[in-house]
Every structure is written in C-alpha cells, then in structure tokens.
Amino acid sequence: MTRLTAAFWVAAYRKRLEMYGIPCFVVRHGDDTGGAVLIKLNTLDGEARVFQRSFDLMTGERAWVVLTEGPEPGCDEAIRRQSGFDPDIWVLEVEDRAGRHLLDEEGLA
C-alpha cells in the first residue's frame, strides 16, 4: 500500500475539517514527505488534547492515540518536547468547543 505524503495528508485532513466548519491551523510545518503529525485539539476552555498516530506492530493497524491531555499550557509543553526530538514534525491545532477532531473517521488513520 502506498503511503501518502505528510503534506498531502494534512491538506486532506484540513479540507475535511473545513467541510464541518471546524477551524484547523498549521502551527508547525514539518517535512512535506515523511514528517510525523501531531494534532492539538483545543476546546477553547483552557483544556486541550494532543493526538499522535500510533502503529501496532502486531496487527499492522494505525490509530490516533492521545499523547497528553489537560490544561493547554501542559499540552503545549509536550508538543515542544516532541518538536525537540523530531525537527520534521507537523503540528496542527484544531479548535472546537464540542471536541470534534474527526480522527476517528474512516480514512484518517
């Protein structure tokens, strides 16, 4: 199976969010071809959740898992740490009071 480039996946994800009226901003532009992607869900109440894509070696399945959640400043610090480990990382910020991120929809894992 051919993997999508990071830039293509980000563009498609942002377009899907736009169709639902959910704002999404590129906070950090990573490597266009192979950069990992972090999604920060900001619920606009001082809380946030950060998702990263995980790969299960036993099943070969990919899924979005919560890296951290809680007060927004703590989530921002976790993103800073991850960015220090991986200079090619993308960071997207999704803003939705209802907590919608669409990462659980088919085709986004």
Protein backbone atom coordinates (compact mmCIF):
# COMPACT_ATOMS: atom_id res chain seq x y z
CA MET A 1 0.00 0.00 0.00
CA THR A 2 1.36 3.41 -0.95
CA ARG A 3 1.67 5.92 1.87
CA LEU A 4 0.51 9.48 1.43
CA THR A 5 2.99 12.27 1.93
CA ALA A 6 2.57 14.24 5.13
CA ALA A 7 1.73 17.43 3.22
CA PHE A 8 -1.00 15.67 1.21
CA TRP A 9 -2.50 14.09 4.35
CA VAL A 10 -2.50 17.44 6.18
CA ALA A 11 -4.21 19.17 3.24
CA ALA A 12 -6.89 16.46 3.04
CA TYR A 13 -7.47 16.50 6.80
CA ARG A 14 -7.82 20.28 6.85
CA LYS A 15 -10.28 20.13 3.95
CA ARG A 16 -12.39 17.52 5.77
CA LEU A 17 -12.47 19.68 8.90
CA GLU A 18 -13.40 22.71 6.80
CA MET A 19 -16.43 20.80 5.44
CA TYR A 20 -17.69 20.53 9.04
CA GLY A 21 -16.87 24.15 9.86
CA ILE A 22 -14.07 23.16 12.26
CA PRO A 23 -11.07 25.54 12.22
CA CYS A 24 -7.61 23.99 11.84
CA PHE A 25 -4.29 25.83 11.75
CA VAL A 26 -0.81 24.67 10.81
CA VAL A 27 1.24 25.66 13.87
CA ARG A 28 4.41 23.95 12.68
CA HIS A 29 5.14 22.93 9.10
CA GLY A 30 7.12 19.71 9.09
CA ASP A 31 8.77 17.69 6.36
CA ASP A 32 6.47 17.51 3.33
CA THR A 33 7.15 13.87 2.56
CA GLY A 34 7.65 11.98 5.80
CA GLY A 35 7.07 14.23 8.77
CA ALA A 36 5.07 12.89 11.69
CA VAL A 37 1.88 14.79 12.58
CA LEU A 38 0.63 15.90 15.99
CA ILE A 39 -2.94 17.16 16.33
CA LYS A 40 -3.73 19.51 19.20
CA LEU A 41 -7.44 19.70 19.93
CA ASN A 42 -8.17 23.00 21.67
CA THR A 43 -11.66 23.05 23.20
CA LEU A 44 -11.35 26.78 23.91
CA ASP A 45 -11.94 26.35 27.65
CA GLY A 46 -8.30 26.17 28.76
CA GLU A 47 -8.14 22.43 28.13
CA ALA A 48 -6.56 20.57 25.23
CA ARG A 49 -5.73 17.10 24.00
CA VAL A 50 -2.78 16.12 21.79
CA PHE A 51 -3.04 13.16 19.42
CA GLN A 52 -0.28 11.24 17.70
CA ARG A 53 -0.53 8.43 15.19
CA SER A 54 0.42 5.05 16.54
CA PHE A 55 1.32 1.89 14.65
CA ASP A 56 0.54 -1.53 16.12
CA LEU A 57 3.38 -3.87 15.10
CA MET A 58 1.28 -6.97 15.81
CA THR A 59 -1.71 -6.07 13.65
CA GLY A 60 -0.24 -3.51 11.26
CA GLU A 61 -3.08 -1.15 12.11
CA ARG A 62 -2.67 2.58 12.58
CA ALA A 63 -4.68 4.58 15.06
CA TRP A 64 -4.70 8.02 16.63
CA VAL A 65 -3.91 7.89 20.34
CA VAL A 66 -3.83 10.59 22.99
CA LEU A 67 -0.27 11.70 23.72
CA THR A 68 -1.36 14.04 26.52
CA GLU A 69 -4.41 15.95 27.70
CA GLY A 70 -5.27 18.53 30.31
CA PRO A 71 -4.54 22.23 30.74
CA GLU A 72 -3.46 23.80 27.46
CA PRO A 73 -0.03 25.02 28.69
CA GLY A 74 0.93 21.45 29.63
CA CYS A 75 -0.13 20.20 26.22
CA ASP A 76 1.90 22.95 24.55
CA GLU A 77 4.95 21.87 26.58
CA ALA A 78 4.52 18.26 25.45
CA ILE A 79 4.40 19.48 21.84
CA ARG A 80 7.60 21.49 22.40
CA ARG A 81 9.34 18.39 23.76
CA GLN A 82 8.23 16.29 20.79
CA SER A 83 9.38 19.02 18.41
CA GLY A 84 12.80 18.91 20.08
CA PHE A 85 13.08 15.19 19.29
CA ASP A 86 11.79 15.45 15.73
CA PRO A 87 12.60 18.54 13.65
CA ASP A 88 10.43 17.21 10.79
CA ILE A 89 7.20 17.09 12.84
CA TRP A 90 3.97 18.81 11.83
CA VAL A 91 1.72 20.37 14.47
CA LEU A 92 -1.90 21.18 13.67
CA GLU A 93 -4.26 22.94 16.04
CA VAL A 94 -7.96 22.12 15.77
CA GLU A 95 -10.33 24.45 17.62
CA ASP A 96 -13.74 23.08 18.53
CA ARG A 97 -15.76 23.65 21.71
CA ALA A 98 -17.57 20.33 21.18
CA GLY A 99 -14.27 18.45 20.97
CA ARG A 100 -14.70 17.28 17.38
CA HIS A 101 -11.48 16.26 15.64
CA LEU A 102 -12.72 13.67 13.09
CA LEU A 103 -9.63 11.49 13.65
CA ASP A 104 -11.88 8.54 14.38
CA GLU A 105 -13.48 8.71 10.93
CA GLU A 106 -12.59 6.16 8.27
CA GLY A 107 -9.60 7.04 6.13
CA LEU A 108 -7.78 9.22 8.66
CA ALA A 109 -5.70 6.61 10.49
